[in-house]
Amino acid sequence: DEYLVLLKRLWSNDRPFDHEGAFYSIKGGYVPRKGPHGADLIIRMGGQSGTALKVAGRHADVFELVPGSIDEVRQLMERVRGAAAEHGRAGKLRFALPVRIHQGASATGHKAVDLSGPPAQAALSLLAYTALGIDEFMIVGVDTPREIATVGRETIALLRNSLARRETDAFQPGAYASRAGLETRAMG
């Protein structure tokens, strides 16, 4: 927590500062060249312990979830949102989920949500996770240029089209409305 407070302060202060804390001591701390986007740091965090959730609730922009069933992922997201709410940040947190996509029929059990089968089936499975509020998928195990192109052209394109259709349907009278403010995007 102290490290992240200092990191943010170093990248946002206009002048040097001193800090004496439990773990860090800084005299004249300052970063003069902040880059083209200034102090826009995206802090990505993960974990499941109470301490990890507390620190992520205070600092994380993106919380990287651990793989699990829909219910397990939903429960972890609720815990993270609760920790973020304690700091007035519940709506400022985005979620990312590791996903392994297989073009074949069987999953391998790696540390990612395993999806197998045709692109439409994989996209449908991802759609269920977006309904929870997942904003980003970290695609793993897709290594060759051919696999990358196939997943992007087929699975991710189907997911984007389904999300666009869901958002369009939500604005039509009588249609089932998706959760308000849900921002979804698939990243590969």
N, C-alpha and C. Protein backbone atom coordinates (compact mmCIF):
# COMPACT_ATOMS: atom_id res chain seq x y z
N ASP A 1 0.83 -1.19 0.00
CA ASP A 1 0.00 0.00 0.00
C ASP A 1 0.88 1.26 0.00
N GLU A 2 1.85 1.29 0.90
CA GLU A 2 2.73 2.46 0.97
C GLU A 2 3.49 2.64 -0.34
N TYR A 3 3.96 1.55 -0.92
CA TYR A 3 4.69 1.61 -2.18
C TYR A 3 3.82 2.24 -3.28
N LEU A 4 2.58 1.80 -3.38
CA LEU A 4 1.69 2.32 -4.42
C LEU A 4 1.33 3.79 -4.19
N VAL A 5 1.15 4.17 -2.93
CA VAL A 5 0.91 5.58 -2.62
C VAL A 5 2.10 6.40 -3.11
N LEU A 6 3.32 5.93 -2.82
CA LEU A 6 4.52 6.67 -3.25
C LEU A 6 4.67 6.68 -4.76
N LEU A 7 4.40 5.56 -5.40
CA LEU A 7 4.49 5.49 -6.86
C LEU A 7 3.57 6.51 -7.51
N LYS A 8 2.32 6.55 -7.07
CA LYS A 8 1.36 7.52 -7.62
C LYS A 8 1.82 8.95 -7.35
N ARG A 9 2.32 9.16 -6.15
CA ARG A 9 2.76 10.52 -5.78
C ARG A 9 3.97 10.95 -6.62
N LEU A 10 4.91 10.03 -6.83
CA LEU A 10 6.09 10.36 -7.65
C LEU A 10 5.69 10.75 -9.06
N TRP A 11 4.69 10.08 -9.59
CA TRP A 11 4.29 10.34 -10.97
C TRP A 11 3.26 11.46 -11.12
N SER A 12 2.78 12.00 -10.01
CA SER A 12 1.78 13.06 -10.13
C SER A 12 2.23 14.40 -9.55
N ASN A 13 3.20 14.41 -8.64
CA ASN A 13 3.62 15.68 -8.03
C ASN A 13 4.35 16.58 -9.01
N ASP A 14 4.11 17.88 -8.84
CA ASP A 14 4.78 18.89 -9.67
C ASP A 14 6.11 19.32 -9.08
N ARG A 15 6.38 18.95 -7.84
CA ARG A 15 7.63 19.35 -7.20
C ARG A 15 8.10 18.23 -6.27
N PRO A 16 9.36 18.24 -5.89
CA PRO A 16 9.90 17.20 -5.00
C PRO A 16 9.18 17.17 -3.65
N PHE A 17 9.17 15.99 -3.03
CA PHE A 17 8.55 15.83 -1.72
C PHE A 17 9.40 14.88 -0.87
N ASP A 18 9.20 14.94 0.42
CA ASP A 18 9.85 14.04 1.36
C ASP A 18 8.80 13.11 1.94
N HIS A 19 9.22 11.90 2.25
CA HIS A 19 8.31 10.91 2.84
C HIS A 19 9.08 10.06 3.84
N GLU A 20 8.49 9.87 4.99
CA GLU A 20 9.06 8.97 6.00
C GLU A 20 7.93 8.05 6.44
N GLY A 21 8.00 6.80 6.01
CA GLY A 21 6.92 5.87 6.31
C GLY A 21 7.40 4.63 7.01
N ALA A 22 6.51 3.67 7.14
CA ALA A 22 6.84 2.41 7.82
C ALA A 22 7.89 1.61 7.06
N PHE A 23 7.88 1.69 5.72
CA PHE A 23 8.78 0.88 4.92
C PHE A 23 9.71 1.69 4.01
N TYR A 24 9.33 2.92 3.70
CA TYR A 24 10.08 3.71 2.73
C TYR A 24 10.40 5.09 3.29
N SER A 25 11.57 5.56 2.90
CA SER A 25 12.00 6.91 3.26
C SER A 25 12.50 7.58 1.98
N ILE A 26 11.93 8.73 1.66
CA ILE A 26 12.31 9.44 0.43
C ILE A 26 12.59 10.89 0.78
N LYS A 27 13.70 11.39 0.26
CA LYS A 27 14.05 12.80 0.41
C LYS A 27 14.11 13.40 -0.99
N GLY A 28 13.31 14.40 -1.24
CA GLY A 28 13.31 15.08 -2.54
C GLY A 28 12.81 14.21 -3.67
N GLY A 29 11.85 13.35 -3.41
CA GLY A 29 11.31 12.45 -4.43
C GLY A 29 10.58 13.20 -5.53
N TYR A 30 10.98 12.94 -6.76
CA TYR A 30 10.38 13.65 -7.90
C TYR A 30 10.77 12.95 -9.19
N VAL A 31 9.84 12.84 -10.11
CA VAL A 31 10.10 12.32 -11.46
C VAL A 31 9.89 13.49 -12.41
N PRO A 32 10.99 14.03 -12.99
CA PRO A 32 10.85 15.23 -13.82
C PRO A 32 10.21 14.98 -15.18
N ARG A 33 10.49 13.85 -15.80
CA ARG A 33 9.95 13.56 -17.13
C ARG A 33 8.87 12.51 -16.99
N LYS A 34 7.65 12.93 -17.16
CA LYS A 34 6.53 12.04 -16.90
C LYS A 34 6.01 11.33 -18.15
N GLY A 35 6.53 11.64 -19.32
CA GLY A 35 6.09 10.96 -20.52
C GLY A 35 4.96 11.68 -21.21
N PRO A 36 4.56 11.18 -22.37
CA PRO A 36 3.55 11.87 -23.20
C PRO A 36 2.17 11.92 -22.56
N HIS A 37 1.87 11.00 -21.69
CA HIS A 37 0.53 10.97 -21.08
C HIS A 37 0.56 11.43 -19.63
N GLY A 38 1.61 12.09 -19.25
CA GLY A 38 1.70 12.60 -17.89
C GLY A 38 1.77 11.48 -16.87
N ALA A 39 0.97 11.59 -15.86
CA ALA A 39 1.01 10.64 -14.75
C ALA A 39 -0.07 9.56 -14.86
N ASP A 40 -0.51 9.27 -16.06
CA ASP A 40 -1.54 8.24 -16.25
C ASP A 40 -0.96 6.85 -16.06
N LEU A 41 -0.95 6.38 -14.85
CA LEU A 41 -0.51 5.03 -14.54
C LEU A 41 -1.73 4.13 -14.43
N ILE A 42 -1.67 2.98 -15.08
CA ILE A 42 -2.72 1.99 -14.92
C ILE A 42 -2.17 0.94 -13.97
N ILE A 43 -2.79 0.79 -12.83
CA ILE A 43 -2.32 -0.17 -11.84
C ILE A 43 -3.17 -1.42 -11.95
N ARG A 44 -2.49 -2.54 -12.26
CA ARG A 44 -3.13 -3.84 -12.41
C ARG A 44 -2.74 -4.68 -11.21
N MET A 45 -3.72 -5.28 -10.58
CA MET A 45 -3.45 -6.10 -9.40
C MET A 45 -4.32 -7.35 -9.44
N GLY A 46 -3.98 -8.29 -8.60
CA GLY A 46 -4.76 -9.51 -8.47
C GLY A 46 -4.53 -10.11 -7.10
N GLY A 47 -5.12 -11.25 -6.85
CA GLY A 47 -4.96 -11.94 -5.58
C GLY A 47 -6.29 -12.27 -4.97
N GLN A 48 -6.26 -13.05 -3.88
CA GLN A 48 -7.50 -13.44 -3.22
C GLN A 48 -7.48 -13.21 -1.72
N SER A 49 -6.31 -12.92 -1.16
CA SER A 49 -6.24 -12.72 0.29
C SER A 49 -6.93 -11.42 0.66
N GLY A 50 -7.27 -11.30 1.92
CA GLY A 50 -7.88 -10.08 2.41
C GLY A 50 -7.00 -8.86 2.18
N THR A 51 -5.70 -9.04 2.39
CA THR A 51 -4.75 -7.93 2.17
C THR A 51 -4.70 -7.53 0.71
N ALA A 52 -4.65 -8.52 -0.19
CA ALA A 52 -4.61 -8.23 -1.63
C ALA A 52 -5.85 -7.47 -2.05
N LEU A 53 -7.01 -7.89 -1.56
CA LEU A 53 -8.26 -7.23 -1.94
C LEU A 53 -8.32 -5.82 -1.36
N LYS A 54 -7.85 -5.64 -0.14
CA LYS A 54 -7.85 -4.32 0.48
C LYS A 54 -6.98 -3.34 -0.31
N VAL A 55 -5.77 -3.77 -0.67
CA VAL A 55 -4.86 -2.90 -1.42
C VAL A 55 -5.41 -2.66 -2.83
N ALA A 56 -5.92 -3.70 -3.46
CA ALA A 56 -6.50 -3.53 -4.79
C ALA A 56 -7.71 -2.61 -4.75
N GLY A 57 -8.52 -2.74 -3.72
CA GLY A 57 -9.68 -1.87 -3.59
C GLY A 57 -9.30 -0.40 -3.51
N ARG A 58 -8.16 -0.13 -2.93
CA ARG A 58 -7.70 1.25 -2.80
C ARG A 58 -6.97 1.76 -4.04
N HIS A 59 -6.26 0.87 -4.75
CA HIS A 59 -5.34 1.35 -5.78
C HIS A 59 -5.59 0.83 -7.21
N ALA A 60 -6.12 -0.35 -7.37
CA ALA A 60 -6.16 -0.97 -8.70
C ALA A 60 -7.11 -0.27 -9.66
N ASP A 61 -6.65 -0.15 -10.89
CA ASP A 61 -7.51 0.29 -11.98
C ASP A 61 -8.12 -0.94 -12.66
N VAL A 62 -7.30 -2.00 -12.77
CA VAL A 62 -7.73 -3.26 -13.36
C VAL A 62 -7.41 -4.37 -12.36
N PHE A 63 -8.40 -5.18 -12.05
CA PHE A 63 -8.17 -6.32 -11.17
C PHE A 63 -8.14 -7.57 -12.03
N GLU A 64 -7.01 -8.28 -11.99
CA GLU A 64 -6.85 -9.51 -12.77
C GLU A 64 -7.36 -10.67 -11.94
N LEU A 65 -8.47 -11.21 -12.37
CA LEU A 65 -9.15 -12.30 -11.67
C LEU A 65 -8.40 -13.61 -11.83
N VAL A 66 -8.64 -14.52 -10.90
CA VAL A 66 -8.14 -15.88 -11.04
C VAL A 66 -9.21 -16.67 -11.76
N PRO A 67 -8.80 -17.66 -12.54
CA PRO A 67 -9.78 -18.46 -13.26
C PRO A 67 -10.70 -19.22 -12.31
N GLY A 68 -11.89 -19.47 -12.78
CA GLY A 68 -12.84 -20.23 -11.99
C GLY A 68 -14.16 -20.33 -12.73
N SER A 69 -15.10 -20.98 -12.07
CA SER A 69 -16.43 -21.09 -12.64
C SER A 69 -17.08 -19.70 -12.62
N ILE A 70 -18.20 -19.58 -13.30
CA ILE A 70 -18.93 -18.31 -13.31
C ILE A 70 -19.23 -17.87 -11.86
N ASP A 71 -19.68 -18.80 -11.02
CA ASP A 71 -20.01 -18.44 -9.63
C ASP A 71 -18.77 -18.02 -8.85
N GLU A 72 -17.66 -18.72 -9.02
CA GLU A 72 -16.43 -18.35 -8.31
C GLU A 72 -15.93 -16.98 -8.74
N VAL A 73 -15.97 -16.71 -10.03
CA VAL A 73 -15.54 -15.41 -10.55
C VAL A 73 -16.47 -14.31 -10.04
N ARG A 74 -17.78 -14.55 -10.06
CA ARG A 74 -18.75 -13.58 -9.56
C ARG A 74 -18.48 -13.26 -8.09
N GLN A 75 -18.24 -14.28 -7.27
CA GLN A 75 -17.99 -14.07 -5.85
C GLN A 75 -16.73 -13.25 -5.61
N LEU A 76 -15.67 -13.54 -6.36
CA LEU A 76 -14.43 -12.77 -6.21
C LEU A 76 -14.65 -11.32 -6.64
N MET A 77 -15.38 -11.12 -7.73
CA MET A 77 -15.67 -9.76 -8.18
C MET A 77 -16.45 -8.99 -7.13
N GLU A 78 -17.41 -9.65 -6.47
CA GLU A 78 -18.18 -8.99 -5.41
C GLU A 78 -17.28 -8.59 -4.25
N ARG A 79 -16.34 -9.47 -3.89
CA ARG A 79 -15.40 -9.15 -2.80
C ARG A 79 -14.52 -7.96 -3.18
N VAL A 80 -14.05 -7.94 -4.42
CA VAL A 80 -13.19 -6.84 -4.87
C VAL A 80 -13.99 -5.54 -4.92
N ARG A 81 -15.20 -5.60 -5.45
CA ARG A 81 -16.04 -4.39 -5.49
C ARG A 81 -16.32 -3.87 -4.08
N GLY A 82 -16.54 -4.78 -3.15
CA GLY A 82 -16.76 -4.39 -1.76
C GLY A 82 -15.55 -3.68 -1.18
N ALA A 83 -14.36 -4.20 -1.46
CA ALA A 83 -13.12 -3.56 -0.99
C ALA A 83 -12.94 -2.20 -1.64
N ALA A 84 -13.27 -2.09 -2.92
CA ALA A 84 -13.15 -0.81 -3.62
C ALA A 84 -14.18 0.20 -3.10
N ALA A 85 -15.36 -0.28 -2.74
CA ALA A 85 -16.42 0.60 -2.23
C ALA A 85 -16.00 1.27 -0.93
N GLU A 86 -15.20 0.58 -0.13
CA GLU A 86 -14.70 1.17 1.12
C GLU A 86 -13.87 2.42 0.88
N HIS A 87 -13.35 2.55 -0.35
CA HIS A 87 -12.53 3.71 -0.71
C HIS A 87 -13.24 4.59 -1.74
N GLY A 88 -14.54 4.38 -1.93
CA GLY A 88 -15.31 5.17 -2.89
C GLY A 88 -14.93 4.90 -4.33
N ARG A 89 -14.44 3.69 -4.62
CA ARG A 89 -13.93 3.37 -5.96
C ARG A 89 -14.65 2.20 -6.62
N ALA A 90 -15.80 1.79 -6.14
CA ALA A 90 -16.47 0.60 -6.67
C ALA A 90 -16.72 0.68 -8.16
N GLY A 91 -17.09 1.84 -8.67
CA GLY A 91 -17.37 2.00 -10.09
C GLY A 91 -16.14 2.31 -10.93
N LYS A 92 -14.99 2.44 -10.32
CA LYS A 92 -13.77 2.82 -11.05
C LYS A 92 -12.88 1.63 -11.38
N LEU A 93 -13.29 0.46 -10.98
CA LEU A 93 -12.48 -0.74 -11.14
C LEU A 93 -12.94 -1.55 -12.36
N ARG A 94 -11.98 -1.98 -13.18
CA ARG A 94 -12.27 -2.85 -14.31
C ARG A 94 -11.74 -4.25 -13.97
N PHE A 95 -12.27 -5.25 -14.67
CA PHE A 95 -11.88 -6.63 -14.40
C PHE A 95 -11.33 -7.30 -15.65
N ALA A 96 -10.28 -8.11 -15.44
CA ALA A 96 -9.67 -8.87 -16.53
C ALA A 96 -9.65 -10.35 -16.11
N LEU A 97 -9.81 -11.23 -17.08
CA LEU A 97 -9.85 -12.67 -16.81
C LEU A 97 -8.95 -13.40 -17.80
N PRO A 98 -8.05 -14.26 -17.31
CA PRO A 98 -7.24 -15.06 -18.23
C PRO A 98 -8.09 -16.15 -18.87
N VAL A 99 -7.96 -16.31 -20.17
CA VAL A 99 -8.76 -17.27 -20.92
C VAL A 99 -7.84 -18.03 -21.88
N ARG A 100 -7.99 -19.34 -21.92
CA ARG A 100 -7.27 -20.19 -22.87
C ARG A 100 -8.31 -20.72 -23.85
N ILE A 101 -8.11 -20.41 -25.13
CA ILE A 101 -9.05 -20.83 -26.16
C ILE A 101 -8.41 -21.95 -26.98
N HIS A 102 -9.14 -23.06 -27.09
CA HIS A 102 -8.68 -24.22 -27.85
C HIS A 102 -9.59 -24.38 -29.07
N GLN A 103 -9.00 -24.61 -30.20
CA GLN A 103 -9.80 -24.86 -31.38
C GLN A 103 -10.30 -26.30 -31.42
N GLY A 104 -9.65 -27.17 -30.67
CA GLY A 104 -10.03 -28.58 -30.62
C GLY A 104 -11.17 -28.81 -29.66
N ALA A 105 -11.34 -30.06 -29.25
CA ALA A 105 -12.49 -30.42 -28.43
C ALA A 105 -12.19 -30.55 -26.95
N SER A 106 -10.91 -30.49 -26.53
CA SER A 106 -10.66 -30.70 -25.11
C SER A 106 -9.79 -29.60 -24.53
N ALA A 107 -10.03 -29.31 -23.28
CA ALA A 107 -9.27 -28.30 -22.56
C ALA A 107 -8.11 -28.97 -21.83
N THR A 108 -7.08 -28.19 -21.51
CA THR A 108 -5.87 -28.78 -20.92
C THR A 108 -5.73 -28.55 -19.43
N GLY A 109 -6.57 -27.72 -18.83
CA GLY A 109 -6.50 -27.50 -17.40
C GLY A 109 -5.42 -26.55 -16.95
N HIS A 110 -4.94 -25.68 -17.81
CA HIS A 110 -3.95 -24.67 -17.42
C HIS A 110 -4.59 -23.63 -16.53
N LYS A 111 -3.78 -22.72 -15.98
CA LYS A 111 -4.30 -21.67 -15.09
C LYS A 111 -4.96 -20.56 -15.89
N ALA A 112 -6.03 -20.89 -16.56
CA ALA A 112 -6.88 -19.92 -17.26
C ALA A 112 -8.22 -20.59 -17.46
N VAL A 113 -9.26 -19.77 -17.64
CA VAL A 113 -10.56 -20.35 -17.97
C VAL A 113 -10.39 -21.02 -19.32
N ASP A 114 -10.62 -22.32 -19.36
CA ASP A 114 -10.42 -23.10 -20.58
C ASP A 114 -11.69 -23.15 -21.40
N LEU A 115 -11.60 -22.72 -22.65
CA LEU A 115 -12.72 -22.77 -23.58
C LEU A 115 -12.29 -23.60 -24.77
N SER A 116 -13.11 -24.56 -25.14
CA SER A 116 -12.77 -25.36 -26.30
C SER A 116 -13.99 -25.49 -27.19
N GLY A 117 -13.73 -25.91 -28.42
CA GLY A 117 -14.81 -26.08 -29.36
C GLY A 117 -14.75 -25.03 -30.46
N PRO A 118 -15.79 -24.98 -31.27
CA PRO A 118 -15.82 -24.02 -32.38
C PRO A 118 -15.87 -22.58 -31.87
N PRO A 119 -15.48 -21.61 -32.71
CA PRO A 119 -15.44 -20.20 -32.30
C PRO A 119 -16.77 -19.70 -31.72
N ALA A 120 -17.90 -20.11 -32.26
CA ALA A 120 -19.19 -19.64 -31.75
C ALA A 120 -19.42 -20.12 -30.32
N GLN A 121 -19.02 -21.33 -30.01
CA GLN A 121 -19.18 -21.86 -28.66
C GLN A 121 -18.27 -21.11 -27.68
N ALA A 122 -17.03 -20.83 -28.09
CA ALA A 122 -16.10 -20.08 -27.23
C ALA A 122 -16.62 -18.67 -27.00
N ALA A 123 -17.13 -18.03 -28.05
CA ALA A 123 -17.67 -16.67 -27.92
C ALA A 123 -18.87 -16.65 -26.97
N LEU A 124 -19.72 -17.65 -27.06
CA LEU A 124 -20.88 -17.75 -26.17
C LEU A 124 -20.44 -17.90 -24.71
N SER A 125 -19.40 -18.69 -24.48
CA SER A 125 -18.87 -18.84 -23.12
C SER A 125 -18.30 -17.53 -22.60
N LEU A 126 -17.59 -16.79 -23.45
CA LEU A 126 -17.04 -15.49 -23.05
C LEU A 126 -18.16 -14.50 -22.76
N LEU A 127 -19.23 -14.58 -23.53
CA LEU A 127 -20.37 -13.68 -23.34
C LEU A 127 -20.95 -13.83 -21.93
N ALA A 128 -20.96 -15.04 -21.42
CA ALA A 128 -21.46 -15.27 -20.07
C ALA A 128 -20.59 -14.53 -19.05
N TYR A 129 -19.28 -14.48 -19.27
CA TYR A 129 -18.40 -13.76 -18.35
C TYR A 129 -18.55 -12.25 -18.49
N THR A 130 -18.81 -11.76 -19.69
CA THR A 130 -19.01 -10.31 -19.85
C THR A 130 -20.26 -9.85 -19.10
N ALA A 131 -21.25 -10.73 -18.99
CA ALA A 131 -22.46 -10.38 -18.26
C ALA A 131 -22.17 -10.12 -16.78
N LEU A 132 -21.08 -10.68 -16.27
CA LEU A 132 -20.67 -10.43 -14.89
C LEU A 132 -20.01 -9.04 -14.74
N GLY A 133 -19.52 -8.51 -15.86
CA GLY A 133 -18.81 -7.24 -15.80
C GLY A 133 -17.34 -7.36 -16.14
N ILE A 134 -16.93 -8.47 -16.75
CA ILE A 134 -15.54 -8.62 -17.19
C ILE A 134 -15.34 -7.65 -18.35
N ASP A 135 -14.31 -6.82 -18.25
CA ASP A 135 -14.02 -5.82 -19.26
C ASP A 135 -12.95 -6.25 -20.25
N GLU A 136 -12.12 -7.20 -19.85
CA GLU A 136 -10.96 -7.56 -20.65
C GLU A 136 -10.68 -9.05 -20.49
N PHE A 137 -10.35 -9.69 -21.59
CA PHE A 137 -9.91 -11.08 -21.56
C PHE A 137 -8.44 -11.12 -21.92
N MET A 138 -7.66 -11.78 -21.10
CA MET A 138 -6.24 -11.96 -21.37
C MET A 138 -6.10 -13.34 -22.00
N ILE A 139 -6.01 -13.36 -23.32
CA ILE A 139 -5.97 -14.62 -24.06
C ILE A 139 -4.58 -15.22 -23.93
N VAL A 140 -4.51 -16.47 -23.45
CA VAL A 140 -3.24 -17.18 -23.30
C VAL A 140 -3.29 -18.47 -24.11
N GLY A 141 -2.12 -18.98 -24.45
CA GLY A 141 -2.04 -20.24 -25.15
C GLY A 141 -2.32 -20.16 -26.64
N VAL A 142 -2.48 -18.97 -27.16
CA VAL A 142 -2.66 -18.77 -28.59
C VAL A 142 -1.33 -18.20 -29.07
N ASP A 143 -0.52 -19.07 -29.69
CA ASP A 143 0.88 -18.71 -29.91
C ASP A 143 1.28 -18.43 -31.35
N THR A 144 0.75 -19.17 -32.28
CA THR A 144 1.20 -19.01 -33.66
C THR A 144 0.42 -17.89 -34.35
N PRO A 145 1.00 -17.28 -35.36
CA PRO A 145 0.27 -16.24 -36.09
C PRO A 145 -1.08 -16.75 -36.62
N ARG A 146 -1.13 -17.99 -37.04
CA ARG A 146 -2.39 -18.56 -37.55
C ARG A 146 -3.43 -18.65 -36.45
N GLU A 147 -3.02 -19.12 -35.25
CA GLU A 147 -3.96 -19.22 -34.12
C GLU A 147 -4.45 -17.83 -33.70
N ILE A 148 -3.54 -16.88 -33.65
CA ILE A 148 -3.91 -15.51 -33.27
C ILE A 148 -4.92 -14.94 -34.26
N ALA A 149 -4.64 -15.12 -35.53
CA ALA A 149 -5.56 -14.60 -36.56
C ALA A 149 -6.92 -15.27 -36.48
N THR A 150 -6.93 -16.58 -36.26
CA THR A 150 -8.20 -17.31 -36.19
C THR A 150 -9.03 -16.86 -34.99
N VAL A 151 -8.40 -16.77 -33.82
CA VAL A 151 -9.14 -16.35 -32.63
C VAL A 151 -9.65 -14.92 -32.81
N GLY A 152 -8.81 -14.04 -33.34
CA GLY A 152 -9.22 -12.65 -33.55
C GLY A 152 -10.32 -12.52 -34.58
N ARG A 153 -10.17 -13.23 -35.68
CA ARG A 153 -11.12 -13.11 -36.78
C ARG A 153 -12.44 -13.81 -36.47
N GLU A 154 -12.38 -14.91 -35.74
CA GLU A 154 -13.60 -15.69 -35.52
C GLU A 154 -14.17 -15.50 -34.11
N THR A 155 -13.47 -15.96 -33.09
CA THR A 155 -14.02 -15.93 -31.74
C THR A 155 -14.25 -14.52 -31.24
N ILE A 156 -13.23 -13.68 -31.30
CA ILE A 156 -13.34 -12.32 -30.77
C ILE A 156 -14.33 -11.50 -31.60
N ALA A 157 -14.33 -11.69 -32.92
CA ALA A 157 -15.29 -10.97 -33.77
C ALA A 157 -16.73 -11.37 -33.41
N LEU A 158 -16.97 -12.65 -33.18
CA LEU A 158 -18.30 -13.10 -32.77
C LEU A 158 -18.70 -12.50 -31.42
N LEU A 159 -17.75 -12.44 -30.49
CA LEU A 159 -18.02 -11.84 -29.19
C LEU A 159 -18.36 -10.36 -29.32
N ARG A 160 -17.56 -9.63 -30.10
CA ARG A 160 -17.85 -8.20 -30.30
C ARG A 160 -19.22 -7.98 -30.92
N ASN A 161 -19.55 -8.77 -31.92
CA ASN A 161 -20.86 -8.64 -32.57
C ASN A 161 -21.99 -8.94 -31.59
N SER A 162 -21.82 -9.97 -30.77
CA SER A 162 -22.84 -10.32 -29.78
C SER A 162 -23.00 -9.21 -28.75
N LEU A 163 -21.90 -8.62 -28.31
CA LEU A 163 -21.97 -7.52 -27.34
C LEU A 163 -22.64 -6.30 -27.95
N ALA A 164 -22.30 -5.99 -29.19
CA ALA A 164 -22.92 -4.85 -29.87
C ALA A 164 -24.43 -5.08 -30.03
N ARG A 165 -24.80 -6.30 -30.38
CA ARG A 165 -26.21 -6.64 -30.53
C ARG A 165 -26.93 -6.54 -29.18
N ARG A 166 -26.28 -7.00 -28.11
CA ARG A 166 -26.87 -6.92 -26.77
C ARG A 166 -27.10 -5.46 -26.37
N GLU A 167 -26.14 -4.60 -26.64
CA GLU A 167 -26.28 -3.18 -26.31
C GLU A 167 -27.36 -2.52 -27.14
N THR A 168 -27.45 -2.87 -28.42
CA THR A 168 -28.50 -2.32 -29.28
C THR A 168 -29.87 -2.77 -28.81
N ASP A 169 -30.00 -4.05 -28.48
CA ASP A 169 -31.28 -4.59 -28.01
C ASP A 169 -31.70 -3.96 -26.69
N ALA A 170 -30.73 -3.61 -25.86
CA ALA A 170 -31.03 -3.02 -24.55
C ALA A 170 -31.71 -1.66 -24.69
N PHE A 171 -31.49 -0.99 -25.80
CA PHE A 171 -32.07 0.34 -25.99
C PHE A 171 -33.39 0.32 -26.73
N GLN A 172 -33.86 -0.85 -27.13
CA GLN A 172 -35.13 -0.95 -27.84
C GLN A 172 -36.25 -1.23 -26.85
N PRO A 173 -37.40 -0.58 -27.00
CA PRO A 173 -38.51 -0.78 -26.06
C PRO A 173 -38.90 -2.25 -25.97
N GLY A 174 -39.11 -2.71 -24.74
CA GLY A 174 -39.54 -4.08 -24.52
C GLY A 174 -38.42 -5.10 -24.53
N ALA A 175 -37.23 -4.68 -24.89
CA ALA A 175 -36.12 -5.62 -24.93
C ALA A 175 -35.55 -5.80 -23.53
N TYR A 176 -34.95 -6.94 -23.29
CA TYR A 176 -34.30 -7.20 -22.01
C TYR A 176 -33.10 -6.27 -21.90
N ALA A 177 -33.07 -5.45 -20.87
CA ALA A 177 -32.00 -4.47 -20.68
C ALA A 177 -30.84 -5.10 -19.95
N SER A 178 -29.64 -4.92 -20.50
CA SER A 178 -28.45 -5.39 -19.80
C SER A 178 -28.14 -4.44 -18.66
N ARG A 179 -27.25 -4.85 -17.78
CA ARG A 179 -26.90 -4.05 -16.62
C ARG A 179 -26.44 -2.66 -17.04
N ALA A 180 -26.97 -1.64 -16.44
CA ALA A 180 -26.65 -0.25 -16.78
C ALA A 180 -25.18 0.01 -16.57
N GLY A 181 -24.59 0.71 -17.52
CA GLY A 181 -23.20 1.13 -17.39
C GLY A 181 -22.20 0.04 -17.68
N LEU A 182 -22.64 -1.12 -18.15
CA LEU A 182 -21.71 -2.20 -18.41
C LEU A 182 -20.84 -1.86 -19.61
N GLU A 183 -19.56 -1.76 -19.36
CA GLU A 183 -18.61 -1.50 -20.45
C GLU A 183 -17.87 -2.80 -20.69
N THR A 184 -17.96 -3.30 -21.90
CA THR A 184 -17.28 -4.55 -22.20
C THR A 184 -16.43 -4.39 -23.42
N ARG A 185 -15.32 -5.05 -23.39
CA ARG A 185 -14.46 -5.11 -24.55
C ARG A 185 -13.60 -6.35 -24.44
N ALA A 186 -13.30 -6.90 -25.56
CA ALA A 186 -12.45 -8.08 -25.58
C ALA A 186 -11.09 -7.69 -26.10
N MET A 187 -10.10 -8.06 -25.38
CA MET A 187 -8.72 -7.74 -25.77
C MET A 187 -8.03 -9.07 -26.04
N GLY A 188 -7.20 -9.12 -27.08
CA GLY A 188 -6.51 -10.36 -27.38
C GLY A 188 -5.04 -10.23 -27.35
